[in-house]
Amino acid sequence: MPSFKVRFIKTVCDDTGGEHRACQAAFKVDAASLSAAAQQAETHFCRQKSVGDWTTIADVLELRTSPA
């Protein structure tokens, strides 16, 4: 089964107005597909952060296949 690296990213502004990407959480997920990996990571993230919707904390979910 393929492995995926999943990161939840939030774009934040610094005191000069510059934008930066901040990783809110990162997971390694074993799943049959990208969509299954995203669903598993979303569920885990929401449990970990005690939220019902991951978009309240992060702006973007990044998925990458892990090297074999």
Protein backbone atom coordinates (compact mmCIF):
# COMPACT_ATOMS: atom_id res chain seq x y z
CA MET A 1 0.00 0.00 0.00
CA PRO A 2 1.41 3.42 -0.92
CA SER A 3 2.51 5.91 1.73
CA PHE A 4 1.78 9.62 1.57
CA LYS A 5 3.16 12.64 3.39
CA VAL A 6 0.36 15.02 4.32
CA ARG A 7 0.87 18.55 5.61
CA PHE A 8 -1.70 21.09 6.75
CA ILE A 9 -0.54 24.62 5.94
CA LYS A 10 -1.74 28.04 7.15
CA THR A 11 -0.65 31.27 5.46
CA VAL A 12 0.16 33.91 8.08
CA CYS A 13 1.28 37.53 7.85
CA ASP A 14 4.25 38.92 9.72
CA ASP A 15 4.51 42.41 11.21
CA THR A 16 5.69 43.84 7.87
CA GLY A 17 2.77 42.39 5.91
CA GLY A 18 4.80 39.59 4.36
CA GLU A 19 3.08 36.22 3.99
CA HIS A 20 4.61 32.99 5.26
CA ARG A 21 3.45 29.38 5.12
CA ALA A 22 3.26 27.73 8.54
CA CYS A 23 2.86 23.96 8.88
CA GLN A 24 0.09 23.23 11.39
CA ALA A 25 0.59 19.44 11.35
CA ALA A 26 2.24 16.71 9.29
CA PHE A 27 1.34 13.04 9.00
CA LYS A 28 2.51 9.95 7.16
CA VAL A 29 -0.51 8.01 5.90
CA ASP A 30 -0.73 4.59 4.28
CA ALA A 31 -3.67 4.55 1.88
CA ALA A 32 -4.76 3.04 -1.42
CA SER A 33 -5.19 6.44 -3.14
CA LEU A 34 -4.61 10.17 -2.79
CA SER A 35 -8.24 10.77 -1.89
CA ALA A 36 -8.18 8.04 0.78
CA ALA A 37 -4.96 9.52 2.21
CA ALA A 38 -6.52 12.99 2.34
CA GLN A 39 -9.61 11.66 4.12
CA GLN A 40 -7.55 9.76 6.70
CA ALA A 41 -5.32 12.76 7.35
CA GLU A 42 -8.30 15.13 7.66
CA THR A 43 -9.92 12.82 10.22
CA HIS A 44 -6.70 12.47 12.23
CA PHE A 45 -6.02 16.23 12.11
CA CYS A 46 -9.53 17.09 13.31
CA ARG A 47 -9.28 14.63 16.20
CA GLN A 48 -5.84 15.89 17.17
CA LYS A 49 -6.91 19.55 17.10
CA SER A 50 -10.45 18.92 18.47
CA VAL A 51 -12.17 20.63 15.54
CA GLY A 52 -14.94 19.56 13.21
CA ASP A 53 -13.43 21.11 10.08
CA TRP A 54 -9.71 21.26 9.34
CA THR A 55 -10.14 24.50 7.36
CA THR A 56 -10.73 26.41 10.59
CA ILE A 57 -7.03 25.94 11.38
CA ALA A 58 -5.30 25.42 8.02
CA ASP A 59 -5.73 26.84 4.53
CA VAL A 60 -4.23 24.06 2.44
CA LEU A 61 -3.70 20.32 2.62
CA GLU A 62 -0.57 19.15 0.76
CA LEU A 63 -0.23 15.52 -0.32
CA ARG A 64 2.98 13.93 -1.58
CA THR A 65 3.88 10.34 -2.21
CA SER A 66 6.59 9.04 0.08
CA PRO A 67 9.62 7.49 -1.58
CA ALA A 68 9.57 3.70 -1.53
